[in-house]
Amino acid sequence: MIRIHYELNINLEGIDAIFHLLNRIENLELELLTVKNKLQAFDIEHDFI
């Protein structure tokens, strides 16, 4: 965080917002992967019916 603050001249509130958004993106990517895996499993199950 200190490096981002000094190199990019971003204040602490901005850094907090950046980390919050990065965390949110990471969680959404994991959620998307979970949904894709469930859909893939559902399609495989339907192929046998």
Protein backbone atom coordinates (compact mmCIF):
# COMPACT_ATOMS: atom_id res chain seq x y z
CA MET A 1 0.00 0.00 0.00
CA ILE A 2 2.83 2.38 0.80
CA ARG A 3 4.35 1.80 -2.64
CA ILE A 4 1.04 2.60 -4.36
CA HIS A 5 0.68 5.71 -2.23
CA TYR A 6 4.10 7.10 -3.12
CA GLU A 7 4.53 5.88 -6.70
CA LEU A 8 1.03 6.73 -7.90
CA ASN A 9 0.36 9.57 -5.48
CA ILE A 10 -2.91 8.05 -4.30
CA ASN A 11 -4.26 9.01 -0.89
CA LEU A 12 -5.11 6.39 1.73
CA GLU A 13 -8.85 6.61 1.05
CA GLY A 14 -8.19 5.94 -2.63
CA ILE A 15 -5.97 2.99 -1.80
CA ASP A 16 -8.69 1.59 0.45
CA ALA A 17 -11.21 1.94 -2.39
CA ILE A 18 -8.84 0.25 -4.85
CA PHE A 19 -8.26 -2.72 -2.55
CA HIS A 20 -11.99 -2.99 -1.85
CA LEU A 21 -12.76 -3.07 -5.59
CA LEU A 22 -9.98 -5.57 -6.30
CA ASN A 23 -11.35 -7.81 -3.55
CA ARG A 24 -14.85 -7.48 -4.99
CA ILE A 25 -13.58 -8.40 -8.48
CA GLU A 26 -11.80 -11.44 -7.07
CA ASN A 27 -14.97 -12.59 -5.28
CA LEU A 28 -17.06 -12.09 -8.42
CA GLU A 29 -14.55 -14.09 -10.48
CA LEU A 30 -14.78 -16.95 -7.99
CA GLU A 31 -18.57 -16.77 -8.05
CA LEU A 32 -18.57 -16.82 -11.86
CA LEU A 33 -16.29 -19.84 -11.90
CA THR A 34 -18.60 -21.64 -9.47
CA VAL A 35 -21.63 -20.91 -11.63
CA LYS A 36 -19.81 -22.02 -14.79
CA ASN A 37 -18.83 -25.29 -13.10
CA LYS A 38 -22.42 -25.89 -11.97
CA LEU A 39 -23.74 -25.21 -15.46
CA GLN A 40 -21.17 -27.52 -16.98
CA ALA A 41 -22.11 -30.28 -14.54
CA PHE A 42 -25.79 -29.69 -15.30
CA ASP A 43 -25.18 -30.04 -19.06
CA ILE A 44 -23.25 -33.28 -18.52
CA GLU A 45 -26.06 -34.69 -16.40
CA HIS A 46 -28.62 -33.81 -19.06
CA ASP A 47 -26.65 -35.63 -21.74
CA PHE A 48 -27.31 -38.91 -19.94
CA ILE A 49 -31.09 -38.42 -19.70
